[in-house]
Amino acid sequence: MGHAGAAAAAVRYLRSAGAPVPVDALPRPELRCVGEDERAPVDPAEFRRVLGSFATGVTVVTAPAAPGEDAPAGFACQSFSSLSLDPPLIAFMVGRTSTTWPRIARAGVFCVNVLAGHQGALCRSFAVSGADKFAGVAHEAAPVSGSPRLAGVLAWIDCTIHAVHTGGDHLIVVGRVDALGAGDEDGEPLLFHKGRFVQAGSSTPSP
């Protein structure tokens, strides 16, 4: 079954048994898609350039402090998507070398904060590693998980980790939605396009 299959099966069993047990972060093996003597099928720089043409929304994924920790966790994430209506599931992708993901995994829950067009600076602060990301950031506890729900976001989705799958150098984290809500219905989203933040309907970079 492998690490990913075992992790996913364990999560499904624990959830069906009604046990909100934190999820163990998967190990970080050295990953290679080609052998030492093979040529990569796609140049990484070209891959980034072409895929950058696809505009995505921008989120901040947060989690409460896990047992033994004194601060919540959070990171900026553009790889987010709705997944299923019945049951209500969402998914986000996180790099396997992320230092924040193991903290979210230990918490077993998280909240996805969908950023508004004016929150580019907030997103950048959550993209920095090692800093106090919540310093000066207004937030309150999400109703079910207690994860930080950031002020001024367009929407929030409060989740329990449902399954974790491997995807190359990333992990695919599936969350079961426990609660959700929207803020300003007429607010514009923050978008990421060709390596920069932009506001919907505008070619002007977001501050």
C-alpha atoms as a PDB file:
ATOM      1  CA  MET A   1       0.000   0.000   0.000  1.00  0.00           C
ATOM      2  CA  GLY A   2       2.890   2.383   0.724  1.00  0.00           C
ATOM      3  CA  HIS A   3       3.120   5.373   3.070  1.00  0.00           C
ATOM      4  CA  ALA A   4       0.454   7.425   1.268  1.00  0.00           C
ATOM      5  CA  GLY A   5      -2.086   4.605   1.061  1.00  0.00           C
ATOM      6  CA  ALA A   6      -1.532   3.654   4.689  1.00  0.00           C
ATOM      7  CA  ALA A   7      -1.951   7.244   5.811  1.00  0.00           C
ATOM      8  CA  ALA A   8      -5.150   7.687   3.840  1.00  0.00           C
ATOM      9  CA  ALA A   9      -6.606   4.393   5.083  1.00  0.00           C
ATOM     10  CA  ALA A  10      -5.744   5.250   8.683  1.00  0.00           C
ATOM     11  CA  VAL A  11      -7.398   8.640   8.415  1.00  0.00           C
ATOM     12  CA  ARG A  12     -10.566   7.157   6.905  1.00  0.00           C
ATOM     13  CA  TYR A  13     -10.764   4.535   9.678  1.00  0.00           C
ATOM     14  CA  LEU A  14     -10.217   7.038  12.471  1.00  0.00           C
ATOM     15  CA  ARG A  15     -12.802   9.440  11.066  1.00  0.00           C
ATOM     16  CA  SER A  16     -15.389   6.669  10.634  1.00  0.00           C
ATOM     17  CA  ALA A  17     -14.775   5.667  14.234  1.00  0.00           C
ATOM     18  CA  GLY A  18     -15.367   9.231  15.337  1.00  0.00           C
ATOM     19  CA  ALA A  19     -11.848   9.715  16.651  1.00  0.00           C
ATOM     20  CA  PRO A  20     -10.430  13.172  15.809  1.00  0.00           C
ATOM     21  CA  VAL A  21      -6.835  11.988  15.974  1.00  0.00           C
ATOM     22  CA  PRO A  22      -4.087  14.179  14.447  1.00  0.00           C
ATOM     23  CA  VAL A  23      -2.540  12.967  11.211  1.00  0.00           C
ATOM     24  CA  ASP A  24       1.122  11.985  11.108  1.00  0.00           C
ATOM     25  CA  ALA A  25       3.105  13.956   8.530  1.00  0.00           C
ATOM     26  CA  LEU A  26       4.521  11.730   5.796  1.00  0.00           C
ATOM     27  CA  PRO A  27       8.296  11.227   5.575  1.00  0.00           C
ATOM     28  CA  ARG A  28      10.308  13.301   3.147  1.00  0.00           C
ATOM     29  CA  PRO A  29      12.247  10.941   0.875  1.00  0.00           C
ATOM     30  CA  GLU A  30      14.510  12.273  -1.844  1.00  0.00           C
ATOM     31  CA  LEU A  31      12.254  12.484  -4.886  1.00  0.00           C
ATOM     32  CA  ARG A  32      13.342  12.057  -8.494  1.00  0.00           C
ATOM     33  CA  CYS A  33      11.097  11.750 -11.538  1.00  0.00           C
ATOM     34  CA  VAL A  34      13.971  10.606 -13.788  1.00  0.00           C
ATOM     35  CA  GLY A  35      17.120   8.588 -13.288  1.00  0.00           C
ATOM     36  CA  GLU A  36      20.594  10.056 -13.018  1.00  0.00           C
ATOM     37  CA  ASP A  37      21.314   9.114 -16.633  1.00  0.00           C
ATOM     38  CA  GLU A  38      17.973  10.306 -18.016  1.00  0.00           C
ATOM     39  CA  ARG A  39      16.967  13.675 -19.382  1.00  0.00           C
ATOM     40  CA  ALA A  40      14.030  15.385 -17.685  1.00  0.00           C
ATOM     41  CA  PRO A  41      10.977  15.278 -19.992  1.00  0.00           C
ATOM     42  CA  VAL A  42      10.157  18.936 -19.308  1.00  0.00           C
ATOM     43  CA  ASP A  43      12.489  21.776 -18.370  1.00  0.00           C
ATOM     44  CA  PRO A  44      11.472  22.991 -14.867  1.00  0.00           C
ATOM     45  CA  ALA A  45      11.775  26.669 -15.828  1.00  0.00           C
ATOM     46  CA  GLU A  46       9.556  26.147 -18.882  1.00  0.00           C
ATOM     47  CA  PHE A  47       7.084  24.171 -16.769  1.00  0.00           C
ATOM     48  CA  ARG A  48       6.783  27.095 -14.357  1.00  0.00           C
ATOM     49  CA  ARG A  49       6.481  29.631 -17.174  1.00  0.00           C
ATOM     50  CA  VAL A  50       3.706  27.831 -19.036  1.00  0.00           C
ATOM     51  CA  LEU A  51       1.714  26.772 -15.962  1.00  0.00           C
ATOM     52  CA  GLY A  52       1.956  30.346 -14.705  1.00  0.00           C
ATOM     53  CA  SER A  53      -0.507  31.280 -17.436  1.00  0.00           C
ATOM     54  CA  PHE A  54      -3.243  29.642 -15.374  1.00  0.00           C
ATOM     55  CA  ALA A  55      -4.562  32.202 -12.890  1.00  0.00           C
ATOM     56  CA  THR A  56      -5.441  30.864  -9.459  1.00  0.00           C
ATOM     57  CA  GLY A  57      -7.042  32.223  -6.346  1.00  0.00           C
ATOM     58  CA  VAL A  58      -4.890  32.701  -3.262  1.00  0.00           C
ATOM     59  CA  THR A  59      -5.535  31.331   0.217  1.00  0.00           C
ATOM     60  CA  VAL A  60      -3.894  31.114   3.607  1.00  0.00           C
ATOM     61  CA  VAL A  61      -4.252  27.733   5.295  1.00  0.00           C
ATOM     62  CA  THR A  62      -4.154  27.965   9.089  1.00  0.00           C
ATOM     63  CA  ALA A  63      -4.287  25.530  11.997  1.00  0.00           C
ATOM     64  CA  PRO A  64      -4.481  25.913  15.785  1.00  0.00           C
ATOM     65  CA  ALA A  65      -1.478  25.214  17.938  1.00  0.00           C
ATOM     66  CA  ALA A  66      -1.051  21.458  18.250  1.00  0.00           C
ATOM     67  CA  PRO A  67      -0.393  19.854  21.667  1.00  0.00           C
ATOM     68  CA  GLY A  68       3.008  20.987  22.883  1.00  0.00           C
ATOM     69  CA  GLU A  69       3.066  24.086  20.675  1.00  0.00           C
ATOM     70  CA  ASP A  70       2.393  27.661  21.751  1.00  0.00           C
ATOM     71  CA  ALA A  71       1.506  29.282  18.419  1.00  0.00           C
ATOM     72  CA  PRO A  72      -0.838  28.551  15.510  1.00  0.00           C
ATOM     73  CA  ALA A  73       0.456  27.556  12.084  1.00  0.00           C
ATOM     74  CA  GLY A  74      -0.245  28.986   8.645  1.00  0.00           C
ATOM     75  CA  PHE A  75       1.085  29.235   5.112  1.00  0.00           C
ATOM     76  CA  ALA A  76       0.132  30.886   1.825  1.00  0.00           C
ATOM     77  CA  CYS A  77      -1.377  28.430  -0.660  1.00  0.00           C
ATOM     78  CA  GLN A  78      -2.525  28.897  -4.243  1.00  0.00           C
ATOM     79  CA  SER A  79      -3.026  25.168  -4.918  1.00  0.00           C
ATOM     80  CA  PHE A  80      -6.537  24.908  -3.515  1.00  0.00           C
ATOM     81  CA  SER A  81      -9.716  23.469  -4.990  1.00  0.00           C
ATOM     82  CA  SER A  82     -13.206  22.278  -4.130  1.00  0.00           C
ATOM     83  CA  LEU A  83     -13.394  18.511  -4.548  1.00  0.00           C
ATOM     84  CA  SER A  84     -16.734  16.941  -3.616  1.00  0.00           C
ATOM     85  CA  LEU A  85     -20.255  18.075  -2.772  1.00  0.00           C
ATOM     86  CA  ASP A  86     -21.415  14.852  -1.078  1.00  0.00           C
ATOM     87  CA  PRO A  87     -19.585  14.540   1.229  1.00  0.00           C
ATOM     88  CA  PRO A  88     -18.326  18.132   1.248  1.00  0.00           C
ATOM     89  CA  LEU A  89     -14.601  17.906   0.563  1.00  0.00           C
ATOM     90  CA  ILE A  90     -11.901  20.359  -0.474  1.00  0.00           C
ATOM     91  CA  ALA A  91      -8.228  19.825  -1.276  1.00  0.00           C
ATOM     92  CA  PHE A  92      -4.983  21.733  -1.154  1.00  0.00           C
ATOM     93  CA  MET A  93      -1.452  20.856  -2.172  1.00  0.00           C
ATOM     94  CA  VAL A  94       1.635  21.487  -0.063  1.00  0.00           C
ATOM     95  CA  GLY A  95       5.316  20.832  -0.761  1.00  0.00           C
ATOM     96  CA  ARG A  96       6.760  17.811   0.998  1.00  0.00           C
ATOM     97  CA  THR A  97       9.607  19.978   2.291  1.00  0.00           C
ATOM     98  CA  SER A  98       7.193  22.419   3.968  1.00  0.00           C
ATOM     99  CA  THR A  99       8.009  23.084   7.619  1.00  0.00           C
ATOM    100  CA  THR A 100       4.426  24.208   8.307  1.00  0.00           C
ATOM    101  CA  TRP A 101       2.638  21.110   7.033  1.00  0.00           C
ATOM    102  CA  PRO A 102       3.829  18.796   9.855  1.00  0.00           C
ATOM    103  CA  ARG A 103       2.335  21.258  12.359  1.00  0.00           C
ATOM    104  CA  ILE A 104      -1.005  21.266  10.518  1.00  0.00           C
ATOM    105  CA  ALA A 105      -0.881  17.460  10.332  1.00  0.00           C
ATOM    106  CA  ARG A 106      -0.340  17.231  14.093  1.00  0.00           C
ATOM    107  CA  ALA A 107      -3.331  19.516  14.686  1.00  0.00           C
ATOM    108  CA  GLY A 108      -5.498  17.309  12.445  1.00  0.00           C
ATOM    109  CA  VAL A 109      -7.663  20.297  11.429  1.00  0.00           C
ATOM    110  CA  PHE A 110      -7.287  23.496   9.426  1.00  0.00           C
ATOM    111  CA  CYS A 111      -9.084  26.523   8.014  1.00  0.00           C
ATOM    112  CA  VAL A 112      -8.747  27.788   4.440  1.00  0.00           C
ATOM    113  CA  ASN A 113      -8.906  31.592   4.242  1.00  0.00           C
ATOM    114  CA  VAL A 114      -9.740  32.900   0.739  1.00  0.00           C
ATOM    115  CA  LEU A 115      -7.935  36.208   0.342  1.00  0.00           C
ATOM    116  CA  ALA A 116      -9.444  39.425  -0.999  1.00  0.00           C
ATOM    117  CA  GLY A 117      -7.825  41.558  -3.679  1.00  0.00           C
ATOM    118  CA  HIS A 118      -6.300  43.986  -1.187  1.00  0.00           C
ATOM    119  CA  GLN A 119      -4.594  41.275   0.886  1.00  0.00           C
ATOM    120  CA  GLY A 120      -1.457  40.746  -1.183  1.00  0.00           C
ATOM    121  CA  ALA A 121       0.785  41.964   1.636  1.00  0.00           C
ATOM    122  CA  LEU A 122      -0.923  39.575   4.056  1.00  0.00           C
ATOM    123  CA  CYS A 123      -0.268  36.687   1.686  1.00  0.00           C
ATOM    124  CA  ARG A 124       3.413  37.616   1.410  1.00  0.00           C
ATOM    125  CA  SER A 125       3.752  37.614   5.189  1.00  0.00           C
ATOM    126  CA  PHE A 126       2.457  34.036   5.318  1.00  0.00           C
ATOM    127  CA  ALA A 127       4.823  32.990   2.528  1.00  0.00           C
ATOM    128  CA  VAL A 128       7.878  33.792   4.663  1.00  0.00           C
ATOM    129  CA  SER A 129       9.475  30.904   6.527  1.00  0.00           C
ATOM    130  CA  GLY A 130      10.568  31.240  10.124  1.00  0.00           C
ATOM    131  CA  ALA A 131       8.831  34.536  10.912  1.00  0.00           C
ATOM    132  CA  ASP A 132       5.981  35.201  13.354  1.00  0.00           C
ATOM    133  CA  LYS A 133       3.319  35.100  10.662  1.00  0.00           C
ATOM    134  CA  PHE A 134       0.468  36.084  12.964  1.00  0.00           C
ATOM    135  CA  ALA A 135       2.135  39.194  14.406  1.00  0.00           C
ATOM    136  CA  GLY A 136      -0.307  42.086  13.991  1.00  0.00           C
ATOM    137  CA  VAL A 137      -2.778  39.943  12.028  1.00  0.00           C
ATOM    138  CA  ALA A 138      -6.381  40.209  13.221  1.00  0.00           C
ATOM    139  CA  HIS A 139      -8.059  36.824  13.510  1.00  0.00           C
ATOM    140  CA  GLU A 140     -10.531  34.807  15.533  1.00  0.00           C
ATOM    141  CA  ALA A 141     -11.120  31.107  16.085  1.00  0.00           C
ATOM    142  CA  ALA A 142     -13.038  29.198  13.409  1.00  0.00           C
ATOM    143  CA  PRO A 143     -16.187  27.665  14.962  1.00  0.00           C
ATOM    144  CA  VAL A 144     -15.323  23.963  14.793  1.00  0.00           C
ATOM    145  CA  SER A 145     -11.542  23.543  14.547  1.00  0.00           C
ATOM    146  CA  GLY A 146     -10.458  26.666  16.388  1.00  0.00           C
ATOM    147  CA  SER A 147      -8.069  27.428  13.532  1.00  0.00           C
ATOM    148  CA  PRO A 148      -7.316  31.121  12.939  1.00  0.00           C
ATOM    149  CA  ARG A 149      -9.977  32.751  10.744  1.00  0.00           C
ATOM    150  CA  LEU A 150      -8.340  35.858   9.307  1.00  0.00           C
ATOM    151  CA  ALA A 151     -10.134  39.195   9.279  1.00  0.00           C
ATOM    152  CA  GLY A 152     -11.232  40.645   5.947  1.00  0.00           C
ATOM    153  CA  VAL A 153     -11.113  37.436   3.891  1.00  0.00           C
ATOM    154  CA  LEU A 154     -13.687  36.729   1.192  1.00  0.00           C
ATOM    155  CA  ALA A 155     -14.509  33.282   2.559  1.00  0.00           C
ATOM    156  CA  TRP A 156     -13.378  30.678   5.061  1.00  0.00           C
ATOM    157  CA  ILE A 157     -13.678  26.888   5.113  1.00  0.00           C
ATOM    158  CA  ASP A 158     -13.217  25.066   8.432  1.00  0.00           C
ATOM    159  CA  CYS A 159     -12.037  21.475   7.934  1.00  0.00           C
ATOM    160  CA  THR A 160     -10.861  18.206   9.431  1.00  0.00           C
ATOM    161  CA  ILE A 161      -8.103  16.310   7.604  1.00  0.00           C
ATOM    162  CA  HIS A 162      -9.831  13.493   5.722  1.00  0.00           C
ATOM    163  CA  ALA A 163      -7.009  11.931   3.661  1.00  0.00           C
ATOM    164  CA  VAL A 164      -3.454  12.606   2.499  1.00  0.00           C
ATOM    165  CA  HIS A 165      -2.033  11.420  -0.834  1.00  0.00           C
ATOM    166  CA  THR A 166       1.377  11.775  -2.463  1.00  0.00           C
ATOM    167  CA  GLY A 167       1.737  13.764  -5.676  1.00  0.00           C
ATOM    168  CA  GLY A 168       5.378  13.888  -6.747  1.00  0.00           C
ATOM    169  CA  ASP A 169       7.176  16.498  -4.666  1.00  0.00           C
ATOM    170  CA  HIS A 170       3.864  17.625  -3.108  1.00  0.00           C
ATOM    171  CA  LEU A 171       1.204  16.162  -0.837  1.00  0.00           C
ATOM    172  CA  ILE A 172      -2.488  16.314  -1.707  1.00  0.00           C
ATOM    173  CA  VAL A 173      -4.407  17.042   1.479  1.00  0.00           C
ATOM    174  CA  VAL A 174      -8.152  16.360   1.429  1.00  0.00           C
ATOM    175  CA  GLY A 175     -10.271  18.106   4.040  1.00  0.00           C
ATOM    176  CA  ARG A 176     -13.823  17.350   5.120  1.00  0.00           C
ATOM    177  CA  VAL A 177     -15.736  20.608   5.515  1.00  0.00           C
ATOM    178  CA  ASP A 178     -17.238  21.116   8.973  1.00  0.00           C
ATOM    179  CA  ALA A 179     -18.274  24.777   8.623  1.00  0.00           C
ATOM    180  CA  LEU A 180     -17.848  27.614   6.149  1.00  0.00           C
ATOM    181  CA  GLY A 181     -18.907  31.145   5.417  1.00  0.00           C
ATOM    182  CA  ALA A 182     -18.410  34.142   3.126  1.00  0.00           C
ATOM    183  CA  GLY A 183     -17.620  37.751   3.909  1.00  0.00           C
ATOM    184  CA  ASP A 184     -18.110  40.547   1.378  1.00  0.00           C
ATOM    185  CA  GLU A 185     -20.224  38.981  -1.398  1.00  0.00           C
ATOM    186  CA  ASP A 186     -19.147  41.762  -3.807  1.00  0.00           C
ATOM    187  CA  GLY A 187     -15.462  41.679  -2.873  1.00  0.00           C
ATOM    188  CA  GLU A 188     -12.816  40.994  -5.508  1.00  0.00           C
ATOM    189  CA  PRO A 189     -10.470  38.015  -5.037  1.00  0.00           C
ATOM    190  CA  LEU A 190      -6.686  38.067  -4.954  1.00  0.00           C
ATOM    191  CA  LEU A 191      -5.299  36.185  -7.955  1.00  0.00           C
ATOM    192  CA  PHE A 192      -1.858  34.813  -8.771  1.00  0.00           C
ATOM    193  CA  HIS A 193      -0.891  35.013 -12.448  1.00  0.00           C
ATOM    194  CA  LYS A 194       2.504  34.748 -14.154  1.00  0.00           C
ATOM    195  CA  GLY A 195       4.433  35.029 -10.924  1.00  0.00           C
ATOM    196  CA  ARG A 196       2.633  37.992  -9.387  1.00  0.00           C
ATOM    197  CA  PHE A 197      -0.505  38.923  -7.506  1.00  0.00           C
ATOM    198  CA  VAL A 198      -3.218  40.702  -9.497  1.00  0.00           C
ATOM    199  CA  GLN A 199      -6.740  41.821  -8.723  1.00  0.00           C
ATOM    200  CA  ALA A 200      -9.626  40.385 -10.716  1.00  0.00           C
ATOM    201  CA  GLY A 201     -10.490  42.478 -13.778  1.00  0.00           C
ATOM    202  CA  SER A 202      -7.197  44.370 -13.646  1.00  0.00           C
ATOM    203  CA  SER A 203      -3.693  43.904 -15.026  1.00  0.00           C
ATOM    204  CA  THR A 204      -2.290  46.033 -12.205  1.00  0.00           C
ATOM    205  CA  PRO A 205      -0.227  44.110  -9.657  1.00  0.00           C
ATOM    206  CA  SER A 206      -1.757  43.892  -6.216  1.00  0.00           C
ATOM    207  CA  PRO A 207       0.062  45.785  -3.436  1.00  0.00           C
END
